[in-house]
Amino acid sequence: MAKAKQIKVTLVKSTIGQKPAKVATVRSLGLKKINSSVIHEETDAIKGMVATVAHLVTVEEVK
């Protein structure tokens, strides 16, 4: 069985001044402080959350 791809999501911009839904999305991704990073499997749910806050985060593929 093939292993799912993994992505590294990093918060690069502050959530101050963002709407509460965007802040909640960043928090649910597991990001708290600027430059904090988490690794997630690339599922549709995660891709949707990342797309919602794309202006606040960067994404790279983990090998």
PDB file of N, CA and C in Angstrom:
ATOM      1  N   MET A   1       0.839  -1.174   0.000  1.00  0.00           N
ATOM      2  CA  MET A   1       0.000   0.000   0.000  1.00  0.00           C
ATOM      3  C   MET A   1       0.887   1.241   0.000  1.00  0.00           C
ATOM      4  N   ALA A   2       0.585   2.187  -0.867  1.00  0.00           N
ATOM      5  CA  ALA A   2       1.401   3.387  -0.991  1.00  0.00           C
ATOM      6  C   ALA A   2       1.162   4.322   0.188  1.00  0.00           C
ATOM      7  N   LYS A   3       2.244   4.916   0.642  1.00  0.00           N
ATOM      8  CA  LYS A   3       2.150   5.849   1.759  1.00  0.00           C
ATOM      9  C   LYS A   3       1.652   7.195   1.238  1.00  0.00           C
ATOM     10  N   ALA A   4       0.787   7.843   2.005  1.00  0.00           N
ATOM     11  CA  ALA A   4       0.241   9.132   1.595  1.00  0.00           C
ATOM     12  C   ALA A   4       1.340  10.187   1.597  1.00  0.00           C
ATOM     13  N   LYS A   5       1.229  11.148   0.685  1.00  0.00           N
ATOM     14  CA  LYS A   5       2.184  12.245   0.653  1.00  0.00           C
ATOM     15  C   LYS A   5       2.042  13.076   1.913  1.00  0.00           C
ATOM     16  N   GLN A   6       3.136  13.678   2.311  1.00  0.00           N
ATOM     17  CA  GLN A   6       3.102  14.546   3.470  1.00  0.00           C
ATOM     18  C   GLN A   6       3.532  15.947   3.070  1.00  0.00           C
ATOM     19  N   ILE A   7       2.938  16.943   3.722  1.00  0.00           N
ATOM     20  CA  ILE A   7       3.295  18.332   3.458  1.00  0.00           C
ATOM     21  C   ILE A   7       3.669  19.007   4.768  1.00  0.00           C
ATOM     22  N   LYS A   8       4.577  19.963   4.656  1.00  0.00           N
ATOM     23  CA  LYS A   8       4.989  20.752   5.810  1.00  0.00           C
ATOM     24  C   LYS A   8       4.361  22.133   5.663  1.00  0.00           C
ATOM     25  N   VAL A   9       3.566  22.534   6.653  1.00  0.00           N
ATOM     26  CA  VAL A   9       2.875  23.814   6.626  1.00  0.00           C
ATOM     27  C   VAL A   9       3.535  24.715   7.665  1.00  0.00           C
ATOM     28  N   THR A  10       3.929  25.927   7.235  1.00  0.00           N
ATOM     29  CA  THR A  10       4.605  26.869   8.118  1.00  0.00           C
ATOM     30  C   THR A  10       3.840  28.182   8.143  1.00  0.00           C
ATOM     31  N   LEU A  11       3.587  28.692   9.336  1.00  0.00           N
ATOM     32  CA  LEU A  11       2.923  29.986   9.502  1.00  0.00           C
ATOM     33  C   LEU A  11       3.959  31.083   9.298  1.00  0.00           C
ATOM     34  N   VAL A  12       3.755  31.943   8.294  1.00  0.00           N
ATOM     35  CA  VAL A  12       4.740  32.979   7.991  1.00  0.00           C
ATOM     36  C   VAL A  12       4.203  34.383   8.228  1.00  0.00           C
ATOM     37  N   LYS A  13       2.920  34.499   8.504  1.00  0.00           N
ATOM     38  CA  LYS A  13       2.319  35.799   8.723  1.00  0.00           C
ATOM     39  C   LYS A  13       1.400  35.712   9.932  1.00  0.00           C
ATOM     40  N   SER A  14       1.283  36.810  10.681  1.00  0.00           N
ATOM     41  CA  SER A  14       0.497  36.821  11.897  1.00  0.00           C
ATOM     42  C   SER A  14      -0.996  36.718  11.608  1.00  0.00           C
ATOM     43  N   THR A  15      -1.728  36.174  12.565  1.00  0.00           N
ATOM     44  CA  THR A  15      -3.181  36.081  12.436  1.00  0.00           C
ATOM     45  C   THR A  15      -3.876  37.295  13.038  1.00  0.00           C
ATOM     46  N   ILE A  16      -3.106  38.248  13.564  1.00  0.00           N
ATOM     47  CA  ILE A  16      -3.705  39.459  14.146  1.00  0.00           C
ATOM     48  C   ILE A  16      -4.445  40.214  13.044  1.00  0.00           C
ATOM     49  N   GLY A  17      -5.677  40.568  13.315  1.00  0.00           N
ATOM     50  CA  GLY A  17      -6.479  41.312  12.355  1.00  0.00           C
ATOM     51  C   GLY A  17      -7.247  40.445  11.382  1.00  0.00           C
ATOM     52  N   GLN A  18      -7.043  39.127  11.440  1.00  0.00           N
ATOM     53  CA  GLN A  18      -7.764  38.219  10.556  1.00  0.00           C
ATOM     54  C   GLN A  18      -9.135  37.906  11.148  1.00  0.00           C
ATOM     55  N   LYS A  19     -10.028  37.462  10.299  1.00  0.00           N
ATOM     56  CA  LYS A  19     -11.358  37.077  10.778  1.00  0.00           C
ATOM     57  C   LYS A  19     -11.245  35.829  11.654  1.00  0.00           C
ATOM     58  N   PRO A  20     -12.152  35.688  12.609  1.00  0.00           N
ATOM     59  CA  PRO A  20     -12.078  34.550  13.541  1.00  0.00           C
ATOM     60  C   PRO A  20     -12.050  33.182  12.855  1.00  0.00           C
ATOM     61  N   ALA A  21     -12.715  33.046  11.729  1.00  0.00           N
ATOM     62  CA  ALA A  21     -12.707  31.758  11.028  1.00  0.00           C
ATOM     63  C   ALA A  21     -11.315  31.426  10.509  1.00  0.00           C
ATOM     64  N   LYS A  22     -10.583  32.419  10.030  1.00  0.00           N
ATOM     65  CA  LYS A  22      -9.216  32.185   9.534  1.00  0.00           C
ATOM     66  C   LYS A  22      -8.285  31.825  10.694  1.00  0.00           C
ATOM     67  N   VAL A  23      -8.448  32.527  11.821  1.00  0.00           N
ATOM     68  CA  VAL A  23      -7.631  32.237  12.999  1.00  0.00           C
ATOM     69  C   VAL A  23      -7.902  30.810  13.472  1.00  0.00           C
ATOM     70  N   ALA A  24      -9.164  30.408  13.474  1.00  0.00           N
ATOM     71  CA  ALA A  24      -9.527  29.057  13.900  1.00  0.00           C
ATOM     72  C   ALA A  24      -8.945  28.008  12.954  1.00  0.00           C
ATOM     73  N   THR A  25      -8.903  28.304  11.670  1.00  0.00           N
ATOM     74  CA  THR A  25      -8.332  27.371  10.699  1.00  0.00           C
ATOM     75  C   THR A  25      -6.839  27.191  10.943  1.00  0.00           C
ATOM     76  N   VAL A  26      -6.137  28.292  11.186  1.00  0.00           N
ATOM     77  CA  VAL A  26      -4.699  28.211  11.473  1.00  0.00           C
ATOM     78  C   VAL A  26      -4.461  27.392  12.727  1.00  0.00           C
ATOM     79  N   ARG A  27      -5.265  27.626  13.764  1.00  0.00           N
ATOM     80  CA  ARG A  27      -5.120  26.885  15.015  1.00  0.00           C
ATOM     81  C   ARG A  27      -5.414  25.398  14.815  1.00  0.00           C
ATOM     82  N   SER A  28      -6.421  25.089  14.002  1.00  0.00           N
ATOM     83  CA  SER A  28      -6.778  23.690  13.796  1.00  0.00           C
ATOM     84  C   SER A  28      -5.722  22.949  12.977  1.00  0.00           C
ATOM     85  N   LEU A  29      -4.924  23.698  12.215  1.00  0.00           N
ATOM     86  CA  LEU A  29      -3.795  23.080  11.517  1.00  0.00           C
ATOM     87  C   LEU A  29      -2.657  22.767  12.484  1.00  0.00           C
ATOM     88  N   GLY A  30      -2.730  23.308  13.695  1.00  0.00           N
ATOM     89  CA  GLY A  30      -1.699  23.045  14.694  1.00  0.00           C
ATOM     90  C   GLY A  30      -0.637  24.122  14.756  1.00  0.00           C
ATOM     91  N   LEU A  31      -0.908  25.280  14.166  1.00  0.00           N
ATOM     92  CA  LEU A  31       0.064  26.364  14.139  1.00  0.00           C
ATOM     93  C   LEU A  31      -0.283  27.391  15.200  1.00  0.00           C
ATOM     94  N   LYS A  32       0.716  27.812  15.974  1.00  0.00           N
ATOM     95  CA  LYS A  32       0.467  28.779  17.036  1.00  0.00           C
ATOM     96  C   LYS A  32       1.250  30.062  16.837  1.00  0.00           C
ATOM     97  N   LYS A  33       2.541  29.944  16.644  1.00  0.00           N
ATOM     98  CA  LYS A  33       3.396  31.126  16.536  1.00  0.00           C
ATOM     99  C   LYS A  33       3.941  31.243  15.115  1.00  0.00           C
ATOM    100  N   ILE A  34       4.374  32.448  14.765  1.00  0.00           N
ATOM    101  CA  ILE A  34       4.996  32.662  13.459  1.00  0.00           C
ATOM    102  C   ILE A  34       6.235  31.776  13.365  1.00  0.00           C
ATOM    103  N   ASN A  35       6.450  31.205  12.211  1.00  0.00           N
ATOM    104  CA  ASN A  35       7.543  30.283  11.896  1.00  0.00           C
ATOM    105  C   ASN A  35       7.383  28.920  12.544  1.00  0.00           C
ATOM    106  N   SER A  36       6.225  28.635  13.130  1.00  0.00           N
ATOM    107  CA  SER A  36       5.987  27.275  13.615  1.00  0.00           C
ATOM    108  C   SER A  36       5.570  26.417  12.422  1.00  0.00           C
ATOM    109  N   SER A  37       5.944  25.158  12.453  1.00  0.00           N
ATOM    110  CA  SER A  37       5.673  24.249  11.340  1.00  0.00           C
ATOM    111  C   SER A  37       5.051  22.965  11.855  1.00  0.00           C
ATOM    112  N   VAL A  38       4.219  22.368  11.021  1.00  0.00           N
ATOM    113  CA  VAL A  38       3.652  21.056  11.307  1.00  0.00           C
ATOM    114  C   VAL A  38       3.672  20.238  10.028  1.00  0.00           C
ATOM    115  N   ILE A  39       3.675  18.935  10.195  1.00  0.00           N
ATOM    116  CA  ILE A  39       3.638  18.027   9.048  1.00  0.00           C
ATOM    117  C   ILE A  39       2.306  17.295   9.076  1.00  0.00           C
ATOM    118  N   HIS A  40       1.595  17.344   7.946  1.00  0.00           N
ATOM    119  CA  HIS A  40       0.306  16.688   7.804  1.00  0.00           C
ATOM    120  C   HIS A  40       0.326  15.808   6.569  1.00  0.00           C
ATOM    121  N   GLU A  41      -0.541  14.791   6.565  1.00  0.00           N
ATOM    122  CA  GLU A  41      -0.756  14.033   5.342  1.00  0.00           C
ATOM    123  C   GLU A  41      -1.580  14.885   4.401  1.00  0.00           C
ATOM    124  N   GLU A  42      -1.336  14.750   3.117  1.00  0.00           N
ATOM    125  CA  GLU A  42      -2.005  15.582   2.122  1.00  0.00           C
ATOM    126  C   GLU A  42      -3.386  15.001   1.794  1.00  0.00           C
ATOM    127  N   THR A  43      -4.359  15.341   2.615  1.00  0.00           N
ATOM    128  CA  THR A  43      -5.734  14.917   2.390  1.00  0.00           C
ATOM    129  C   THR A  43      -6.533  16.097   1.846  1.00  0.00           C
ATOM    130  N   ASP A  44      -7.738  15.809   1.373  1.00  0.00           N
ATOM    131  CA  ASP A  44      -8.584  16.875   0.841  1.00  0.00           C
ATOM    132  C   ASP A  44      -8.921  17.906   1.916  1.00  0.00           C
ATOM    133  N   ALA A  45      -9.144  17.454   3.141  1.00  0.00           N
ATOM    134  CA  ALA A  45      -9.488  18.367   4.229  1.00  0.00           C
ATOM    135  C   ALA A  45      -8.323  19.318   4.528  1.00  0.00           C
ATOM    136  N   ILE A  46      -7.128  18.782   4.590  1.00  0.00           N
ATOM    137  CA  ILE A  46      -5.954  19.608   4.877  1.00  0.00           C
ATOM    138  C   ILE A  46      -5.696  20.573   3.724  1.00  0.00           C
ATOM    139  N   LYS A  47      -5.827  20.087   2.491  1.00  0.00           N
ATOM    140  CA  LYS A  47      -5.614  20.970   1.337  1.00  0.00           C
ATOM    141  C   LYS A  47      -6.614  22.118   1.331  1.00  0.00           C
ATOM    142  N   GLY A  48      -7.852  21.843   1.727  1.00  0.00           N
ATOM    143  CA  GLY A  48      -8.866  22.886   1.800  1.00  0.00           C
ATOM    144  C   GLY A  48      -8.551  23.913   2.867  1.00  0.00           C
ATOM    145  N   MET A  49      -8.088  23.452   4.029  1.00  0.00           N
ATOM    146  CA  MET A  49      -7.731  24.390   5.094  1.00  0.00           C
ATOM    147  C   MET A  49      -6.534  25.244   4.693  1.00  0.00           C
ATOM    148  N   VAL A  50      -5.555  24.635   4.042  1.00  0.00           N
ATOM    149  CA  VAL A  50      -4.380  25.383   3.600  1.00  0.00           C
ATOM    150  C   VAL A  50      -4.778  26.412   2.543  1.00  0.00           C
ATOM    151  N   ALA A  51      -5.672  26.049   1.651  1.00  0.00           N
ATOM    152  CA  ALA A  51      -6.122  26.990   0.622  1.00  0.00           C
ATOM    153  C   ALA A  51      -6.850  28.178   1.234  1.00  0.00           C
ATOM    154  N   THR A  52      -7.570  27.948   2.325  1.00  0.00           N
ATOM    155  CA  THR A  52      -8.302  29.011   2.993  1.00  0.00           C
ATOM    156  C   THR A  52      -7.366  30.052   3.596  1.00  0.00           C
ATOM    157  N   VAL A  53      -6.236  29.620   4.100  1.00  0.00           N
ATOM    158  CA  VAL A  53      -5.301  30.541   4.746  1.00  0.00           C
ATOM    159  C   VAL A  53      -3.978  30.614   3.975  1.00  0.00           C
ATOM    160  N   ALA A  54      -4.049  30.491   2.659  1.00  0.00           N
ATOM    161  CA  ALA A  54      -2.852  30.460   1.823  1.00  0.00           C
ATOM    162  C   ALA A  54      -2.031  31.739   1.939  1.00  0.00           C
ATOM    163  N   HIS A  55      -2.666  32.853   2.261  1.00  0.00           N
ATOM    164  CA  HIS A  55      -1.943  34.121   2.389  1.00  0.00           C
ATOM    165  C   HIS A  55      -1.172  34.223   3.697  1.00  0.00           C
ATOM    166  N   LEU A  56      -1.357  33.268   4.597  1.00  0.00           N
ATOM    167  CA  LEU A  56      -0.678  33.282   5.894  1.00  0.00           C
ATOM    168  C   LEU A  56       0.372  32.189   6.042  1.00  0.00           C
ATOM    169  N   VAL A  57       0.328  31.174   5.184  1.00  0.00           N
ATOM    170  CA  VAL A  57       1.201  30.010   5.346  1.00  0.00           C
ATOM    171  C   VAL A  57       1.991  29.719   4.075  1.00  0.00           C
ATOM    172  N   THR A  58       3.056  28.952   4.245  1.00  0.00           N
ATOM    173  CA  THR A  58       3.754  28.370   3.092  1.00  0.00           C
ATOM    174  C   THR A  58       3.673  26.864   3.224  1.00  0.00           C
ATOM    175  N   VAL A  59       3.748  26.185   2.082  1.00  0.00           N
ATOM    176  CA  VAL A  59       3.604  24.727   2.061  1.00  0.00           C
ATOM    177  C   VAL A  59       4.749  24.143   1.250  1.00  0.00           C
ATOM    178  N   GLU A  60       5.362  23.094   1.787  1.00  0.00           N
ATOM    179  CA  GLU A  60       6.379  22.356   1.036  1.00  0.00           C
ATOM    180  C   GLU A  60       6.128  20.876   1.191  1.00  0.00           C
ATOM    181  N   GLU A  61       6.539  20.132   0.188  1.00  0.00           N
ATOM    182  CA  GLU A  61       6.351  18.680   0.224  1.00  0.00           C
ATOM    183  C   GLU A  61       7.493  18.043   1.002  1.00  0.00           C
ATOM    184  N   VAL A  62       7.149  17.108   1.862  1.00  0.00           N
ATOM    185  CA  VAL A  62       8.157  16.387   2.657  1.00  0.00           C
ATOM    186  C   VAL A  62       8.536  15.128   1.908  1.00  0.00           C
ATOM    187  N   LYS A  63       9.817  14.828   1.842  1.00  0.00           N
ATOM    188  CA  LYS A  63      10.272  13.646   1.127  1.00  0.00           C
ATOM    189  C   LYS A  63      10.362  12.456   2.033  1.00  0.00           C
TER     190      LYS A  63
END
